[in-house]
C-alpha atoms as a PDB file:
ATOM      1  CA  MET A   1      35.606 -57.077   8.157  1.00  0.00           C
ATOM      2  CA  ASN A   2      36.153 -54.375  10.781  1.00  0.00           C
ATOM      3  CA  CYS A   3      34.133 -51.165  10.906  1.00  0.00           C
ATOM      4  CA  PRO A   4      36.206 -48.081  10.002  1.00  0.00           C
ATOM      5  CA  THR A   5      34.461 -46.068  12.748  1.00  0.00           C
ATOM      6  CA  CYS A   6      34.209 -48.331  15.809  1.00  0.00           C
ATOM      7  CA  ASN A   7      36.667 -51.065  14.687  1.00  0.00           C
ATOM      8  CA  ARG A   8      34.290 -53.895  15.635  1.00  0.00           C
ATOM      9  CA  LYS A   9      33.836 -57.050  13.565  1.00  0.00           C
ATOM     10  CA  ASN A  10      31.054 -57.317  10.993  1.00  0.00           C
ATOM     11  CA  ARG A  11      30.156 -59.783   8.263  1.00  0.00           C
ATOM     12  CA  LYS A  12      32.019 -59.482   4.966  1.00  0.00           C
ATOM     13  CA  THR A  13      28.783 -58.723   3.125  1.00  0.00           C
ATOM     14  CA  ALA A  14      27.631 -56.010   5.562  1.00  0.00           C
ATOM     15  CA  THR A  15      26.833 -52.614   4.093  1.00  0.00           C
ATOM     16  CA  GLN A  16      26.348 -51.003   7.484  1.00  0.00           C
ATOM     17  CA  CYS A  17      27.967 -51.625  10.876  1.00  0.00           C
ATOM     18  CA  ARG A  18      25.604 -53.522  13.160  1.00  0.00           C
ATOM     19  CA  HIS A  19      27.139 -51.872  16.230  1.00  0.00           C
ATOM     20  CA  CYS A  20      27.395 -48.154  15.392  1.00  0.00           C
ATOM     21  CA  GLY A  21      25.441 -47.903  12.108  1.00  0.00           C
ATOM     22  CA  ALA A  22      28.319 -46.460  10.084  1.00  0.00           C
ATOM     23  CA  LEU A  23      28.435 -47.313   6.385  1.00  0.00           C
ATOM     24  CA  MET A  24      30.984 -49.958   5.463  1.00  0.00           C
ATOM     25  CA  PRO A  25      33.330 -49.297   2.530  1.00  0.00           C
ATOM     26  CA  ARG A  26      32.313 -50.970  -0.693  1.00  0.00           C
ATOM     27  CA  ARG A  27      34.420 -53.680  -2.252  1.00  0.00           C
ATOM     28  CA  SER A  28      35.050 -51.559  -5.315  1.00  0.00           C
ATOM     29  CA  ALA A  29      36.462 -48.774  -3.115  1.00  0.00           C
ATOM     30  CA  ARG A  30      38.810 -51.225  -1.433  1.00  0.00           C
ATOM     31  CA  LEU A  31      39.835 -52.621  -4.823  1.00  0.00           C
ATOM     32  CA  LEU A  32      40.516 -49.130  -6.144  1.00  0.00           C
ATOM     33  CA  ASP A  33      42.704 -48.389  -3.115  1.00  0.00           C
ATOM     34  CA  SER A  34      44.697 -51.571  -3.711  1.00  0.00           C
ATOM     35  CA  MET A  35      45.430 -50.872  -7.395  1.00  0.00           C
ATOM     36  CA  THR A  36      49.149 -50.471  -7.841  1.00  0.00           C
ATOM     37  CA  MET A  37      49.411 -49.540 -11.518  1.00  0.00           C
ATOM     38  CA  ASN A  38      49.527 -45.835 -12.205  1.00  0.00           C
ATOM     39  CA  PRO A  39      47.900 -44.317 -15.290  1.00  0.00           C
ATOM     40  CA  ALA A  40      51.196 -43.501 -17.005  1.00  0.00           C
ATOM     41  CA  MET A  41      52.293 -47.148 -16.754  1.00  0.00           C
ATOM     42  CA  ALA A  42      49.006 -48.405 -18.226  1.00  0.00           C
ATOM     43  CA  LEU A  43      49.218 -45.896 -21.082  1.00  0.00           C
ATOM     44  CA  SER A  44      52.847 -46.843 -21.792  1.00  0.00           C
ATOM     45  CA  ILE A  45      52.057 -50.551 -21.914  1.00  0.00           C
ATOM     46  CA  GLY A  46      49.016 -49.921 -24.110  1.00  0.00           C
ATOM     47  CA  ILE A  47      50.913 -47.777 -26.602  1.00  0.00           C
ATOM     48  CA  ALA A  48      53.818 -50.250 -26.707  1.00  0.00           C
ATOM     49  CA  LEU A  49      51.427 -53.129 -27.428  1.00  0.00           C
ATOM     50  CA  LEU A  50      49.711 -51.131 -30.151  1.00  0.00           C
ATOM     51  CA  CYS A  51      53.081 -50.354 -31.771  1.00  0.00           C
ATOM     52  CA  PHE A  52      54.065 -54.012 -31.572  1.00  0.00           C
ATOM     53  CA  SER A  53      50.776 -55.117 -33.128  1.00  0.00           C
ATOM     54  CA  THR A  54      51.236 -52.548 -35.929  1.00  0.00           C
ATOM     55  CA  LEU A  55      54.634 -54.060 -36.740  1.00  0.00           C
ATOM     56  CA  LEU A  56      53.091 -57.540 -36.823  1.00  0.00           C
ATOM     57  CA  PHE A  57      50.268 -56.342 -39.035  1.00  0.00           C
ATOM     58  CA  PHE A  58      52.538 -54.699 -41.614  1.00  0.00           C
ATOM     59  CA  ASN A  59      54.768 -57.764 -41.738  1.00  0.00           C
ATOM     60  CA  GLY A  60      51.842 -59.926 -42.803  1.00  0.00           C
ATOM     61  CA  LEU A  61      51.168 -61.599 -39.466  1.00  0.00           C
ATOM     62  CA  PHE A  62      47.552 -60.476 -39.259  1.00  0.00           C
ATOM     63  CA  TRP A  63      46.302 -63.196 -36.900  1.00  0.00           C
ATOM     64  CA  PHE A  64      49.194 -62.688 -34.508  1.00  0.00           C
ATOM     65  CA  ALA A  65      48.429 -58.964 -34.333  1.00  0.00           C
ATOM     66  CA  VAL A  66      44.913 -59.453 -32.966  1.00  0.00           C
ATOM     67  CA  LEU A  67      45.778 -60.242 -29.331  1.00  0.00           C
ATOM     68  CA  PRO A  68      48.359 -57.450 -28.863  1.00  0.00           C
ATOM     69  CA  THR A  69      45.909 -55.016 -30.463  1.00  0.00           C
ATOM     70  CA  LEU A  70      43.103 -55.955 -28.089  1.00  0.00           C
ATOM     71  CA  CYS A  71      45.395 -55.866 -25.051  1.00  0.00           C
ATOM     72  CA  GLY A  72      46.890 -52.568 -26.168  1.00  0.00           C
ATOM     73  CA  LEU A  73      43.450 -51.026 -26.564  1.00  0.00           C
ATOM     74  CA  ALA A  74      42.412 -52.313 -23.132  1.00  0.00           C
ATOM     75  CA  PHE A  75      45.516 -50.954 -21.398  1.00  0.00           C
ATOM     76  CA  THR A  76      45.214 -47.611 -23.178  1.00  0.00           C
ATOM     77  CA  ALA A  77      41.551 -47.300 -22.219  1.00  0.00           C
ATOM     78  CA  LEU A  78      42.384 -48.278 -18.636  1.00  0.00           C
ATOM     79  CA  GLY A  79      45.146 -45.679 -18.461  1.00  0.00           C
ATOM     80  CA  LEU A  80      42.892 -42.957 -19.813  1.00  0.00           C
ATOM     81  CA  LYS A  81      40.102 -43.949 -17.411  1.00  0.00           C
ATOM     82  CA  MET A  82      42.450 -43.940 -14.421  1.00  0.00           C
ATOM     83  CA  ARG A  83      43.832 -40.534 -15.411  1.00  0.00           C
ATOM     84  CA  ASP A  84      40.409 -38.890 -15.247  1.00  0.00           C
END
């Protein structure tokens, strides 16, 4: 991985540049920069999955409603977390 300050090569696990001493970006920061889903999209998917699971539940398909419910809750929570 290259240092953002001096642009010299460092190990992938380095937390600090061995040449100039600058702090290297964390993996989580790089992952956050590469996320392509926006909060509105995550909320929309979550709400749609929750509506779909509600329809399954009221039509007697309880076991089939479990997975869409869990995914819908996860996407909704992710959308709310990204919005903050």
